[in-house]
Amino acid sequence: MARPLRVDVADGWYHITARGTDRRTIFTGDRERRHFLDLLEKMEERHGLRIHAYVLMGNHYHLLIQTPHANASSAMQWLQVSYSMWFNRRHDRVGPLFQGRFMSRPVEGDGSWALMASVYLHLNPIRVAGLGSGKRERKAEGRGMVTASGDKLRQRLKLLRNYRWSSYRAYAGYEQGPKWLTKDELLKRCGGRREYRHYVMEWATQGRDAAEFEDALERWALGTETFREHLRRLAKKISSEQPDRCHLQKRVSIAKIIDTVERVRGRKWADFAEEHGDIGRDMVLYLARQRSGLTLRQIGEETGGLGYKLVSIAVDRFSRRLDKDTEYSRLTQRCLTLL
């Protein structure tokens, strides 16, 4: 299946989200969430992004970012690869952590769209059926078909105020928030912290997100028709000038992985594939497990007829080395960036 072209624009706003493979948990506890926030800080500094809002749920996350340097794709790739490698080492696992590529939805930075996107992110902890706020319930409530009980509304607001793993508490004034969080711009648009709290509370208690935002989420970009048409023209221009970027391969071939490792190491596969103690073969197997989409048995067959158990041991061994050797980590990160 081909993937659509991403449109990375200078100073663009994006709603980013990604889920765990098969909707599995990507944050098993507070240690994982703290590490992910640490990576957000590094990403903000390393790639020059502005992070306007975030929320970390059990099996997915949402970000609202702005890209002065038109580098959303490379920044998010770095974030997910870095977290996946750390998570896999911590939990002694191999294979993809995230389900495919992250979703990147352009957001119109002017007007109310970015503000609405931040509200949507911050409402995620209470968008659950147990609080009468599942998707169907939200739409019905937003259209005046049902009314949530006072107890349900109080539960929503309490959870919203107390949820530690989103930027809402910083926006609402309940805490300072991380230094790397850019919140002044959106707060200015709605008049300050008190007004932002009131704005979010209205959406949380009246279901306004269902009526105004749920339908908008089905669009490929959040904004006016003029904004979306501008992005269509830009995407068409990129496609005509760089046809190889119109669609990206869903998986990376073993041949491309081997070629990339050869380039990074300055050595040919034939020279190190069977050399005892060399890291090259294990690196290829590790990257193949991460990016090829092949089974262990298939990886072994395409790398010289190795048995699947040997491939599994090699991948696990290399993953453990990454946690201890900064040079291994640097070379692997470079390969992943090239891929």
C-alpha atoms as a PDB file:
ATOM      1  CA  MET A   1       0.000   0.000   0.000  1.00  0.00           C
ATOM      2  CA  ALA A   2       1.452   3.382  -1.003  1.00  0.00           C
ATOM      3  CA  ARG A   3       1.681   6.237   1.424  1.00  0.00           C
ATOM      4  CA  PRO A   4       0.535   9.740   0.519  1.00  0.00           C
ATOM      5  CA  LEU A   5       2.988  12.577   0.161  1.00  0.00           C
ATOM      6  CA  ARG A   6       3.674  14.583   3.286  1.00  0.00           C
ATOM      7  CA  VAL A   7       3.643  18.343   2.866  1.00  0.00           C
ATOM      8  CA  ASP A   8       6.259  19.889   5.168  1.00  0.00           C
ATOM      9  CA  VAL A   9       6.069  23.684   5.052  1.00  0.00           C
ATOM     10  CA  ALA A  10       8.090  26.365   6.811  1.00  0.00           C
ATOM     11  CA  ASP A  11       6.319  27.575   9.953  1.00  0.00           C
ATOM     12  CA  GLY A  12       3.547  25.033   9.394  1.00  0.00           C
ATOM     13  CA  TRP A  13       1.306  23.758  12.188  1.00  0.00           C
ATOM     14  CA  TYR A  14       0.599  20.023  12.495  1.00  0.00           C
ATOM     15  CA  HIS A  15      -1.558  17.743  14.589  1.00  0.00           C
ATOM     16  CA  ILE A  16       0.593  14.634  15.085  1.00  0.00           C
ATOM     17  CA  THR A  17      -0.589  11.323  16.463  1.00  0.00           C
ATOM     18  CA  ALA A  18       0.653   7.714  16.532  1.00  0.00           C
ATOM     19  CA  ARG A  19      -0.625   4.488  18.065  1.00  0.00           C
ATOM     20  CA  GLY A  20       1.022   1.343  19.282  1.00  0.00           C
ATOM     21  CA  THR A  21       1.074  -1.688  16.996  1.00  0.00           C
ATOM     22  CA  ASP A  22      -2.332  -3.409  17.155  1.00  0.00           C
ATOM     23  CA  ARG A  23      -3.303  -0.629  19.595  1.00  0.00           C
ATOM     24  CA  ARG A  24      -0.953  -2.055  22.207  1.00  0.00           C
ATOM     25  CA  THR A  25       0.336  -0.022  25.128  1.00  0.00           C
ATOM     26  CA  ILE A  26       3.288   2.281  24.449  1.00  0.00           C
ATOM     27  CA  PHE A  27       3.367   3.847  27.936  1.00  0.00           C
ATOM     28  CA  THR A  28       3.283   1.175  30.634  1.00  0.00           C
ATOM     29  CA  GLY A  29       3.965   3.593  33.490  1.00  0.00           C
ATOM     30  CA  ASP A  30       5.218   6.983  34.566  1.00  0.00           C
ATOM     31  CA  ARG A  31       8.849   6.138  33.737  1.00  0.00           C
ATOM     32  CA  GLU A  32       7.959   5.710  30.058  1.00  0.00           C
ATOM     33  CA  ARG A  33       5.927   8.926  30.006  1.00  0.00           C
ATOM     34  CA  ARG A  34       8.726  10.931  31.643  1.00  0.00           C
ATOM     35  CA  HIS A  35      11.235   9.590  29.141  1.00  0.00           C
ATOM     36  CA  PHE A  36       8.952  10.513  26.233  1.00  0.00           C
ATOM     37  CA  LEU A  37       8.663  14.070  27.586  1.00  0.00           C
ATOM     38  CA  ASP A  38      12.458  14.191  27.884  1.00  0.00           C
ATOM     39  CA  LEU A  39      12.654  13.239  24.216  1.00  0.00           C
ATOM     40  CA  LEU A  40      10.172  15.994  23.343  1.00  0.00           C
ATOM     41  CA  GLU A  41      12.516  18.482  24.984  1.00  0.00           C
ATOM     42  CA  LYS A  42      15.458  17.127  22.985  1.00  0.00           C
ATOM     43  CA  MET A  43      13.405  17.169  19.789  1.00  0.00           C
ATOM     44  CA  GLU A  44      12.410  20.792  20.371  1.00  0.00           C
ATOM     45  CA  GLU A  45      16.067  21.758  20.778  1.00  0.00           C
ATOM     46  CA  ARG A  46      17.546  19.439  18.157  1.00  0.00           C
ATOM     47  CA  HIS A  47      15.053  20.178  15.357  1.00  0.00           C
ATOM     48  CA  GLY A  48      13.979  23.694  16.266  1.00  0.00           C
ATOM     49  CA  LEU A  49      10.290  22.867  16.639  1.00  0.00           C
ATOM     50  CA  ARG A  50       7.690  24.641  18.717  1.00  0.00           C
ATOM     51  CA  ILE A  51       5.558  22.248  20.737  1.00  0.00           C
ATOM     52  CA  HIS A  52       2.238  23.924  21.494  1.00  0.00           C
ATOM     53  CA  ALA A  53       0.342  21.042  23.117  1.00  0.00           C
ATOM     54  CA  TYR A  54       0.670  17.364  23.953  1.00  0.00           C
ATOM     55  CA  VAL A  55      -1.176  14.490  25.583  1.00  0.00           C
ATOM     56  CA  LEU A  56       0.123  11.000  26.337  1.00  0.00           C
ATOM     57  CA  MET A  57      -2.459   8.222  26.541  1.00  0.00           C
ATOM     58  CA  GLY A  58      -1.875   4.534  27.176  1.00  0.00           C
ATOM     59  CA  ASN A  59      -1.561   3.327  23.588  1.00  0.00           C
ATOM     60  CA  HIS A  60      -1.123   6.586  21.663  1.00  0.00           C
ATOM     61  CA  TYR A  61      -0.037  10.195  21.867  1.00  0.00           C
ATOM     62  CA  HIS A  62      -1.011  13.524  20.300  1.00  0.00           C
ATOM     63  CA  LEU A  63       1.126  16.599  19.620  1.00  0.00           C
ATOM     64  CA  LEU A  64       0.405  20.053  18.225  1.00  0.00           C
ATOM     65  CA  ILE A  65       3.645  21.338  16.733  1.00  0.00           C
ATOM     66  CA  GLN A  66       4.912  24.200  14.581  1.00  0.00           C
ATOM     67  CA  THR A  67       7.870  23.789  12.216  1.00  0.00           C
ATOM     68  CA  PRO A  68       9.882  26.949  11.424  1.00  0.00           C
ATOM     69  CA  HIS A  69      12.276  24.779   9.394  1.00  0.00           C
ATOM     70  CA  ALA A  70       9.737  22.625   7.507  1.00  0.00           C
ATOM     71  CA  ASN A  71      11.059  19.441   9.127  1.00  0.00           C
ATOM     72  CA  ALA A  72       8.081  17.736  10.743  1.00  0.00           C
ATOM     73  CA  SER A  73       8.785  14.376   9.084  1.00  0.00           C
ATOM     74  CA  SER A  74      12.445  14.119  10.064  1.00  0.00           C
ATOM     75  CA  ALA A  75      11.749  15.347  13.596  1.00  0.00           C
ATOM     76  CA  MET A  76       8.961  12.844  14.203  1.00  0.00           C
ATOM     77  CA  GLN A  77      10.993  10.014  12.726  1.00  0.00           C
ATOM     78  CA  TRP A  78      13.782  10.822  15.179  1.00  0.00           C
ATOM     79  CA  LEU A  79      11.313  10.922  18.086  1.00  0.00           C
ATOM     80  CA  GLN A  80       9.640   7.607  17.335  1.00  0.00           C
ATOM     81  CA  VAL A  81      12.832   5.733  16.513  1.00  0.00           C
ATOM     82  CA  SER A  82      14.513   7.056  19.668  1.00  0.00           C
ATOM     83  CA  TYR A  83      11.578   6.097  21.896  1.00  0.00           C
ATOM     84  CA  SER A  84      11.075   2.703  20.224  1.00  0.00           C
ATOM     85  CA  MET A  85      14.714   1.726  20.700  1.00  0.00           C
ATOM     86  CA  TRP A  86      14.644   2.789  24.361  1.00  0.00           C
ATOM     87  CA  PHE A  87      11.301   1.067  25.022  1.00  0.00           C
ATOM     88  CA  ASN A  88      12.382  -2.176  23.365  1.00  0.00           C
ATOM     89  CA  ARG A  89      15.598  -2.315  25.381  1.00  0.00           C
ATOM     90  CA  ARG A  90      13.743  -1.563  28.596  1.00  0.00           C
ATOM     91  CA  HIS A  91      11.158  -4.297  28.015  1.00  0.00           C
ATOM     92  CA  ASP A  92      13.434  -6.819  26.337  1.00  0.00           C
ATOM     93  CA  ARG A  93      11.408  -6.863  23.138  1.00  0.00           C
ATOM     94  CA  VAL A  94      12.057  -6.550  19.407  1.00  0.00           C
ATOM     95  CA  GLY A  95      10.013  -5.343  16.473  1.00  0.00           C
ATOM     96  CA  PRO A  96       8.010  -2.221  15.680  1.00  0.00           C
ATOM     97  CA  LEU A  97       6.440  -0.385  18.600  1.00  0.00           C
ATOM     98  CA  PHE A  98       4.276   2.006  16.603  1.00  0.00           C
ATOM     99  CA  GLN A  99       1.596   1.041  14.105  1.00  0.00           C
ATOM    100  CA  GLY A 100       2.954   2.245  10.770  1.00  0.00           C
ATOM    101  CA  ARG A 101       3.873   5.856  10.244  1.00  0.00           C
ATOM    102  CA  PHE A 102       2.675   8.647  12.484  1.00  0.00           C
ATOM    103  CA  MET A 103      -0.341  10.628  11.309  1.00  0.00           C
ATOM    104  CA  SER A 104       0.487  14.221  10.374  1.00  0.00           C
ATOM    105  CA  ARG A 105      -2.463  16.540   9.748  1.00  0.00           C
ATOM    106  CA  PRO A 106      -1.727  20.137   8.657  1.00  0.00           C
ATOM    107  CA  VAL A 107      -3.522  22.738  10.771  1.00  0.00           C
ATOM    108  CA  GLU A 108      -4.290  26.294   9.726  1.00  0.00           C
ATOM    109  CA  GLY A 109      -2.236  28.362  12.154  1.00  0.00           C
ATOM    110  CA  ASP A 110      -4.294  31.533  11.856  1.00  0.00           C
ATOM    111  CA  GLY A 111      -7.741  32.019  13.301  1.00  0.00           C
ATOM    112  CA  SER A 112      -9.325  29.471  15.624  1.00  0.00           C
ATOM    113  CA  TRP A 113      -8.201  26.194  14.074  1.00  0.00           C
ATOM    114  CA  ALA A 114      -4.964  25.787  16.042  1.00  0.00           C
ATOM    115  CA  LEU A 115      -6.814  26.739  19.232  1.00  0.00           C
ATOM    116  CA  MET A 116      -9.486  24.136  18.522  1.00  0.00           C
ATOM    117  CA  ALA A 117      -6.810  21.547  17.817  1.00  0.00           C
ATOM    118  CA  SER A 118      -5.257  22.184  21.233  1.00  0.00           C
ATOM    119  CA  VAL A 119      -8.659  21.724  22.869  1.00  0.00           C
ATOM    120  CA  TYR A 120      -9.151  18.435  21.060  1.00  0.00           C
ATOM    121  CA  LEU A 121      -5.780  17.203  22.321  1.00  0.00           C
ATOM    122  CA  HIS A 122      -6.492  18.254  25.887  1.00  0.00           C
ATOM    123  CA  LEU A 123      -9.921  16.590  25.925  1.00  0.00           C
ATOM    124  CA  ASN A 124      -8.490  13.162  25.058  1.00  0.00           C
ATOM    125  CA  PRO A 125      -8.329  11.844  28.662  1.00  0.00           C
ATOM    126  CA  ILE A 126     -12.092  12.320  29.078  1.00  0.00           C
ATOM    127  CA  ARG A 127     -13.172  11.165  25.615  1.00  0.00           C
ATOM    128  CA  VAL A 128     -14.219   7.737  26.895  1.00  0.00           C
ATOM    129  CA  ALA A 129     -17.515   5.917  26.984  1.00  0.00           C
ATOM    130  CA  GLY A 130     -17.327   5.478  30.762  1.00  0.00           C
ATOM    131  CA  LEU A 131     -17.827   9.227  31.153  1.00  0.00           C
ATOM    132  CA  GLY A 132     -20.580   9.367  28.563  1.00  0.00           C
ATOM    133  CA  SER A 133     -18.065  10.876  26.169  1.00  0.00           C
ATOM    134  CA  GLY A 134     -17.409   8.168  23.598  1.00  0.00           C
ATOM    135  CA  LYS A 135     -17.631   9.147  19.942  1.00  0.00           C
ATOM    136  CA  ARG A 136     -21.318   8.333  19.534  1.00  0.00           C
ATOM    137  CA  GLU A 137     -22.251   9.957  22.845  1.00  0.00           C
ATOM    138  CA  ARG A 138     -20.280  13.121  22.013  1.00  0.00           C
ATOM    139  CA  LYS A 139     -22.099  13.596  18.749  1.00  0.00           C
ATOM    140  CA  ALA A 140     -25.480  13.041  20.343  1.00  0.00           C
ATOM    141  CA  GLU A 141     -24.677  15.433  23.186  1.00  0.00           C
ATOM    142  CA  GLY A 142     -23.250  18.042  20.854  1.00  0.00           C
ATOM    143  CA  ARG A 143     -26.462  18.031  18.801  1.00  0.00           C
ATOM    144  CA  GLY A 144     -28.665  18.337  21.867  1.00  0.00           C
ATOM    145  CA  MET A 145     -30.066  14.813  21.589  1.00  0.00           C
ATOM    146  CA  VAL A 146     -28.935  13.789  25.083  1.00  0.00           C
ATOM    147  CA  THR A 147     -27.768  15.596  28.213  1.00  0.00           C
ATOM    148  CA  ALA A 148     -24.977  14.317  30.423  1.00  0.00           C
ATOM    149  CA  SER A 149     -25.758  13.987  34.122  1.00  0.00           C
ATOM    150  CA  GLY A 150     -24.250  16.400  36.610  1.00  0.00           C
ATOM    151  CA  ASP A 151     -22.227  13.557  38.092  1.00  0.00           C
ATOM    152  CA  LYS A 152     -20.736  12.685  34.707  1.00  0.00           C
ATOM    153  CA  LEU A 153     -19.824  16.319  34.065  1.00  0.00           C
ATOM    154  CA  ARG A 154     -18.119  16.623  37.449  1.00  0.00           C
ATOM    155  CA  GLN A 155     -16.152  13.429  36.777  1.00  0.00           C
ATOM    156  CA  ARG A 156     -15.002  14.776  33.417  1.00  0.00           C
ATOM    157  CA  LEU A 157     -13.785  18.057  34.848  1.00  0.00           C
ATOM    158  CA  LYS A 158     -12.042  16.383  37.779  1.00  0.00           C
ATOM    159  CA  LEU A 159     -10.183  13.975  35.476  1.00  0.00           C
ATOM    160  CA  LEU A 160      -9.281  16.816  33.129  1.00  0.00           C
ATOM    161  CA  ARG A 161      -7.855  18.928  35.970  1.00  0.00           C
ATOM    162  CA  ASN A 162      -5.900  16.051  37.496  1.00  0.00           C
ATOM    163  CA  TYR A 163      -4.523  14.364  34.387  1.00  0.00           C
ATOM    164  CA  ARG A 164      -0.739  14.822  34.653  1.00  0.00           C
ATOM    165  CA  TRP A 165       0.347  13.731  31.188  1.00  0.00           C
ATOM    166  CA  SER A 166      -0.959  16.522  29.024  1.00  0.00           C
ATOM    167  CA  SER A 167      -0.212  20.221  28.628  1.00  0.00           C
ATOM    168  CA  TYR A 168      -3.702  21.222  29.803  1.00  0.00           C
ATOM    169  CA  ARG A 169      -2.662  21.821  33.408  1.00  0.00           C
ATOM    170  CA  ALA A 170      -0.011  24.271  32.188  1.00  0.00           C
ATOM    171  CA  TYR A 171      -2.530  26.052  29.956  1.00  0.00           C
ATOM    172  CA  ALA A 172      -5.113  26.201  32.732  1.00  0.00           C
ATOM    173  CA  GLY A 173      -2.628  27.597  35.257  1.00  0.00           C
ATOM    174  CA  TYR A 174      -2.605  24.590  37.599  1.00  0.00           C
ATOM    175  CA  GLU A 175       1.160  24.160  37.078  1.00  0.00           C
ATOM    176  CA  GLN A 176       4.015  25.893  35.280  1.00  0.00           C
ATOM    177  CA  GLY A 177       4.600  23.179  32.709  1.00  0.00           C
ATOM    178  CA  PRO A 178       7.888  22.308  30.971  1.00  0.00           C
ATOM    179  CA  LYS A 179      10.056  25.171  29.735  1.00  0.00           C
ATOM    180  CA  TRP A 180      10.028  23.818  26.187  1.00  0.00           C
ATOM    181  CA  LEU A 181       6.226  24.064  25.922  1.00  0.00           C
ATOM    182  CA  THR A 182       5.089  27.064  23.841  1.00  0.00           C
ATOM    183  CA  LYS A 183       1.733  28.080  25.282  1.00  0.00           C
ATOM    184  CA  ASP A 184       1.660  31.897  25.218  1.00  0.00           C
ATOM    185  CA  GLU A 185       0.553  32.153  21.598  1.00  0.00           C
ATOM    186  CA  LEU A 186      -2.639  30.128  21.991  1.00  0.00           C
ATOM    187  CA  LEU A 187      -3.380  31.614  25.407  1.00  0.00           C
ATOM    188  CA  LYS A 188      -3.168  35.068  23.853  1.00  0.00           C
ATOM    189  CA  ARG A 189      -5.725  34.082  21.213  1.00  0.00           C
ATOM    190  CA  CYS A 190      -8.362  33.205  23.771  1.00  0.00           C
ATOM    191  CA  GLY A 191      -7.555  35.916  26.329  1.00  0.00           C
ATOM    192  CA  GLY A 192      -5.486  34.092  28.948  1.00  0.00           C
ATOM    193  CA  ARG A 193      -5.544  31.081  31.276  1.00  0.00           C
ATOM    194  CA  ARG A 194      -8.951  31.746  32.839  1.00  0.00           C
ATOM    195  CA  GLU A 195     -10.569  32.144  29.442  1.00  0.00           C
ATOM    196  CA  TYR A 196      -8.830  29.019  28.148  1.00  0.00           C
ATOM    197  CA  ARG A 197     -10.127  27.023  31.133  1.00  0.00           C
ATOM    198  CA  HIS A 198     -13.638  28.295  30.457  1.00  0.00           C
ATOM    199  CA  TYR A 199     -13.304  27.504  26.743  1.00  0.00           C
ATOM    200  CA  VAL A 200     -12.223  23.921  27.419  1.00  0.00           C
ATOM    201  CA  MET A 201     -14.864  23.452  30.114  1.00  0.00           C
ATOM    202  CA  GLU A 202     -17.578  24.451  27.643  1.00  0.00           C
ATOM    203  CA  TRP A 203     -16.418  21.834  25.196  1.00  0.00           C
ATOM    204  CA  ALA A 204     -16.044  19.234  27.938  1.00  0.00           C
ATOM    205  CA  THR A 205     -19.487  19.754  29.423  1.00  0.00           C
ATOM    206  CA  GLN A 206     -21.580  20.602  26.362  1.00  0.00           C
ATOM    207  CA  GLY A 207     -20.085  18.263  23.793  1.00  0.00           C
ATOM    208  CA  ARG A 208     -19.226  21.098  21.422  1.00  0.00           C
ATOM    209  CA  ASP A 209     -16.295  19.152  20.060  1.00  0.00           C
ATOM    210  CA  ALA A 210     -18.728  16.611  18.640  1.00  0.00           C
ATOM    211  CA  ALA A 211     -20.690  19.170  16.660  1.00  0.00           C
ATOM    212  CA  GLU A 212     -17.776  21.348  15.539  1.00  0.00           C
ATOM    213  CA  PHE A 213     -14.675  19.185  15.538  1.00  0.00           C
ATOM    214  CA  GLU A 214     -15.522  15.511  14.987  1.00  0.00           C
ATOM    215  CA  ASP A 215     -16.553  16.136  11.397  1.00  0.00           C
ATOM    216  CA  ALA A 216     -13.456  18.269  10.797  1.00  0.00           C
ATOM    217  CA  LEU A 217     -11.248  15.392  11.966  1.00  0.00           C
ATOM    218  CA  GLU A 218     -12.273  13.435   8.891  1.00  0.00           C
ATOM    219  CA  ARG A 219     -10.557  16.003   6.685  1.00  0.00           C
ATOM    220  CA  TRP A 220      -6.933  15.527   5.679  1.00  0.00           C
ATOM    221  CA  ALA A 221      -6.159  19.093   6.845  1.00  0.00           C
ATOM    222  CA  LEU A 222      -7.760  21.220   9.578  1.00  0.00           C
ATOM    223  CA  GLY A 223      -8.623  24.653   8.278  1.00  0.00           C
ATOM    224  CA  THR A 224     -10.632  26.649   5.790  1.00  0.00           C
ATOM    225  CA  GLU A 225     -11.210  25.548   2.218  1.00  0.00           C
ATOM    226  CA  THR A 226      -8.765  28.251   1.098  1.00  0.00           C
ATOM    227  CA  PHE A 227      -6.094  26.735   3.335  1.00  0.00           C
ATOM    228  CA  ARG A 228      -6.735  23.209   2.073  1.00  0.00           C
ATOM    229  CA  GLU A 229      -6.675  24.336  -1.550  1.00  0.00           C
ATOM    230  CA  HIS A 230      -3.306  26.024  -0.964  1.00  0.00           C
ATOM    231  CA  LEU A 231      -1.911  22.738   0.380  1.00  0.00           C
ATOM    232  CA  ARG A 232      -3.332  20.820  -2.598  1.00  0.00           C
ATOM    233  CA  ARG A 233      -1.547  23.124  -5.011  1.00  0.00           C
ATOM    234  CA  LEU A 234       1.657  22.830  -3.004  1.00  0.00           C
ATOM    235  CA  ALA A 235       1.440  19.020  -2.940  1.00  0.00           C
ATOM    236  CA  LYS A 236       0.797  18.931  -6.683  1.00  0.00           C
ATOM    237  CA  LYS A 237       3.847  21.125  -7.307  1.00  0.00           C
ATOM    238  CA  ILE A 238       6.073  18.909  -5.157  1.00  0.00           C
ATOM    239  CA  SER A 239       4.734  15.809  -6.910  1.00  0.00           C
ATOM    240  CA  SER A 240       5.517  17.182 -10.362  1.00  0.00           C
ATOM    241  CA  GLU A 241       8.986  18.451  -9.417  1.00  0.00           C
ATOM    242  CA  GLN A 242       9.941  15.423  -7.302  1.00  0.00           C
ATOM    243  CA  PRO A 243       7.883  12.456  -8.563  1.00  0.00           C
ATOM    244  CA  ASP A 244       9.835  10.037  -6.377  1.00  0.00           C
ATOM    245  CA  ARG A 245       8.324  11.745  -3.323  1.00  0.00           C
ATOM    246  CA  CYS A 246       4.704  11.280  -4.375  1.00  0.00           C
ATOM    247  CA  HIS A 247       4.557   7.986  -2.498  1.00  0.00           C
ATOM    248  CA  LEU A 248       6.993   6.323  -0.133  1.00  0.00           C
ATOM    249  CA  GLN A 249       7.440   2.599   0.247  1.00  0.00           C
ATOM    250  CA  LYS A 250       5.667   1.165   3.230  1.00  0.00           C
ATOM    251  CA  ARG A 251       8.632  -1.060   4.078  1.00  0.00           C
ATOM    252  CA  VAL A 252      12.349  -0.939   3.326  1.00  0.00           C
ATOM    253  CA  SER A 253      13.951  -3.788   1.384  1.00  0.00           C
ATOM    254  CA  ILE A 254      16.811  -5.857   2.799  1.00  0.00           C
ATOM    255  CA  ALA A 255      18.947  -4.744  -0.148  1.00  0.00           C
ATOM    256  CA  LYS A 256      18.445  -1.097   0.753  1.00  0.00           C
ATOM    257  CA  ILE A 257      19.233  -1.778   4.411  1.00  0.00           C
ATOM    258  CA  ILE A 258      22.472  -3.547   3.490  1.00  0.00           C
ATOM    259  CA  ASP A 259      23.409  -0.725   1.100  1.00  0.00           C
ATOM    260  CA  THR A 260      22.773   1.852   3.839  1.00  0.00           C
ATOM    261  CA  VAL A 261      24.907  -0.005   6.404  1.00  0.00           C
ATOM    262  CA  GLU A 262      27.679  -0.325   3.813  1.00  0.00           C
ATOM    263  CA  ARG A 263      27.586   3.437   3.203  1.00  0.00           C
ATOM    264  CA  VAL A 264      27.620   4.330   6.888  1.00  0.00           C
ATOM    265  CA  ARG A 265      30.411   1.901   7.778  1.00  0.00           C
ATOM    266  CA  GLY A 266      32.474   2.276   4.607  1.00  0.00           C
ATOM    267  CA  ARG A 267      32.697  -1.494   4.177  1.00  0.00           C
ATOM    268  CA  LYS A 268      31.021  -3.998   1.857  1.00  0.00           C
ATOM    269  CA  TRP A 269      28.516  -6.533   3.180  1.00  0.00           C
ATOM    270  CA  ALA A 270      30.607  -9.398   1.813  1.00  0.00           C
ATOM    271  CA  ASP A 271      33.573  -8.220   3.888  1.00  0.00           C
ATOM    272  CA  PHE A 272      31.821  -8.247   7.258  1.00  0.00           C
ATOM    273  CA  ALA A 273      28.750 -10.505   6.939  1.00  0.00           C
ATOM    274  CA  GLU A 274      30.620 -13.498   8.350  1.00  0.00           C
ATOM    275  CA  GLU A 275      33.413 -11.734  10.224  1.00  0.00           C
ATOM    276  CA  HIS A 276      33.438 -12.852  13.871  1.00  0.00           C
ATOM    277  CA  GLY A 277      32.857 -10.016  16.327  1.00  0.00           C
ATOM    278  CA  ASP A 278      31.898  -7.446  13.689  1.00  0.00           C
ATOM    279  CA  ILE A 279      28.770  -5.417  14.439  1.00  0.00           C
ATOM    280  CA  GLY A 280      27.733  -4.986  10.795  1.00  0.00           C
ATOM    281  CA  ARG A 281      25.714  -8.168  10.370  1.00  0.00           C
ATOM    282  CA  ASP A 282      23.818  -7.688  13.626  1.00  0.00           C
ATOM    283  CA  MET A 283      23.101  -4.083  12.662  1.00  0.00           C
ATOM    284  CA  VAL A 284      21.625  -5.201   9.346  1.00  0.00           C
ATOM    285  CA  LEU A 285      19.461  -7.806  11.076  1.00  0.00           C
ATOM    286  CA  TYR A 286      18.313  -5.287  13.696  1.00  0.00           C
ATOM    287  CA  LEU A 287      17.399  -2.683  11.073  1.00  0.00           C
ATOM    288  CA  ALA A 288      15.640  -5.319   8.994  1.00  0.00           C
ATOM    289  CA  ARG A 289      13.530  -6.257  12.005  1.00  0.00           C
ATOM    290  CA  GLN A 290      12.692  -2.603  12.559  1.00  0.00           C
ATOM    291  CA  ARG A 291      11.970  -1.515   8.992  1.00  0.00           C
ATOM    292  CA  SER A 292      11.534  -4.405   6.535  1.00  0.00           C
ATOM    293  CA  GLY A 293       8.231  -5.820   7.787  1.00  0.00           C
ATOM    294  CA  LEU A 294       9.587  -9.345   7.231  1.00  0.00           C
ATOM    295  CA  THR A 295       9.447 -12.234   9.666  1.00  0.00           C
ATOM    296  CA  LEU A 296      12.594 -13.472  11.385  1.00  0.00           C
ATOM    297  CA  ARG A 297      12.631 -16.463   9.060  1.00  0.00           C
ATOM    298  CA  GLN A 298      12.335 -14.254   5.953  1.00  0.00           C
ATOM    299  CA  ILE A 299      15.093 -11.946   7.201  1.00  0.00           C
ATOM    300  CA  GLY A 300      17.358 -14.944   7.697  1.00  0.00           C
ATOM    301  CA  GLU A 301      16.638 -16.255   4.212  1.00  0.00           C
ATOM    302  CA  GLU A 302      17.469 -12.899   2.613  1.00  0.00           C
ATOM    303  CA  THR A 303      20.704 -12.416   4.542  1.00  0.00           C
ATOM    304  CA  GLY A 304      22.464 -15.634   3.674  1.00  0.00           C
ATOM    305  CA  GLY A 305      20.233 -18.443   4.898  1.00  0.00           C
ATOM    306  CA  LEU A 306      20.394 -17.783   8.641  1.00  0.00           C
ATOM    307  CA  GLY A 307      17.985 -19.633  10.886  1.00  0.00           C
ATOM    308  CA  TYR A 308      15.228 -17.584  12.501  1.00  0.00           C
ATOM    309  CA  LYS A 309      16.513 -18.387  16.016  1.00  0.00           C
ATOM    310  CA  LEU A 310      19.933 -17.038  15.128  1.00  0.00           C
ATOM    311  CA  VAL A 311      18.348 -13.891  13.709  1.00  0.00           C
ATOM    312  CA  SER A 312      16.329 -13.430  16.898  1.00  0.00           C
ATOM    313  CA  ILE A 313      19.429 -13.827  19.091  1.00  0.00           C
ATOM    314  CA  ALA A 314      21.416 -11.390  16.949  1.00  0.00           C
ATOM    315  CA  VAL A 315      18.666  -8.756  17.015  1.00  0.00           C
ATOM    316  CA  ASP A 316      18.313  -9.077  20.772  1.00  0.00           C
ATOM    317  CA  ARG A 317      22.099  -8.906  21.256  1.00  0.00           C
ATOM    318  CA  PHE A 318      22.421  -5.769  19.139  1.00  0.00           C
ATOM    319  CA  SER A 319      19.477  -4.121  20.898  1.00  0.00           C
ATOM    320  CA  ARG A 320      21.178  -4.635  24.256  1.00  0.00           C
ATOM    321  CA  ARG A 321      24.452  -3.226  22.935  1.00  0.00           C
ATOM    322  CA  LEU A 322      22.679  -0.063  21.822  1.00  0.00           C
ATOM    323  CA  ASP A 323      21.902   0.712  25.452  1.00  0.00           C
ATOM    324  CA  LYS A 324      25.575   0.559  26.417  1.00  0.00           C
ATOM    325  CA  ASP A 325      27.536   1.819  23.412  1.00  0.00           C
ATOM    326  CA  THR A 326      27.008   5.384  22.165  1.00  0.00           C
ATOM    327  CA  GLU A 327      28.907   4.630  18.930  1.00  0.00           C
ATOM    328  CA  TYR A 328      26.507   1.796  18.087  1.00  0.00           C
ATOM    329  CA  SER A 329      23.606   4.112  18.813  1.00  0.00           C
ATOM    330  CA  ARG A 330      25.049   6.890  16.655  1.00  0.00           C
ATOM    331  CA  LEU A 331      25.657   4.608  13.650  1.00  0.00           C
ATOM    332  CA  THR A 332      22.220   3.003  13.969  1.00  0.00           C
ATOM    333  CA  GLN A 333      20.489   6.375  14.208  1.00  0.00           C
ATOM    334  CA  ARG A 334      22.324   7.537  11.090  1.00  0.00           C
ATOM    335  CA  CYS A 335      21.198   4.452   9.188  1.00  0.00           C
ATOM    336  CA  LEU A 336      17.578   4.921  10.293  1.00  0.00           C
ATOM    337  CA  THR A 337      17.694   8.549   9.186  1.00  0.00           C
ATOM    338  CA  LEU A 338      18.979   7.545   5.730  1.00  0.00           C
ATOM    339  CA  LEU A 339      16.313   4.851   5.443  1.00  0.00           C
END
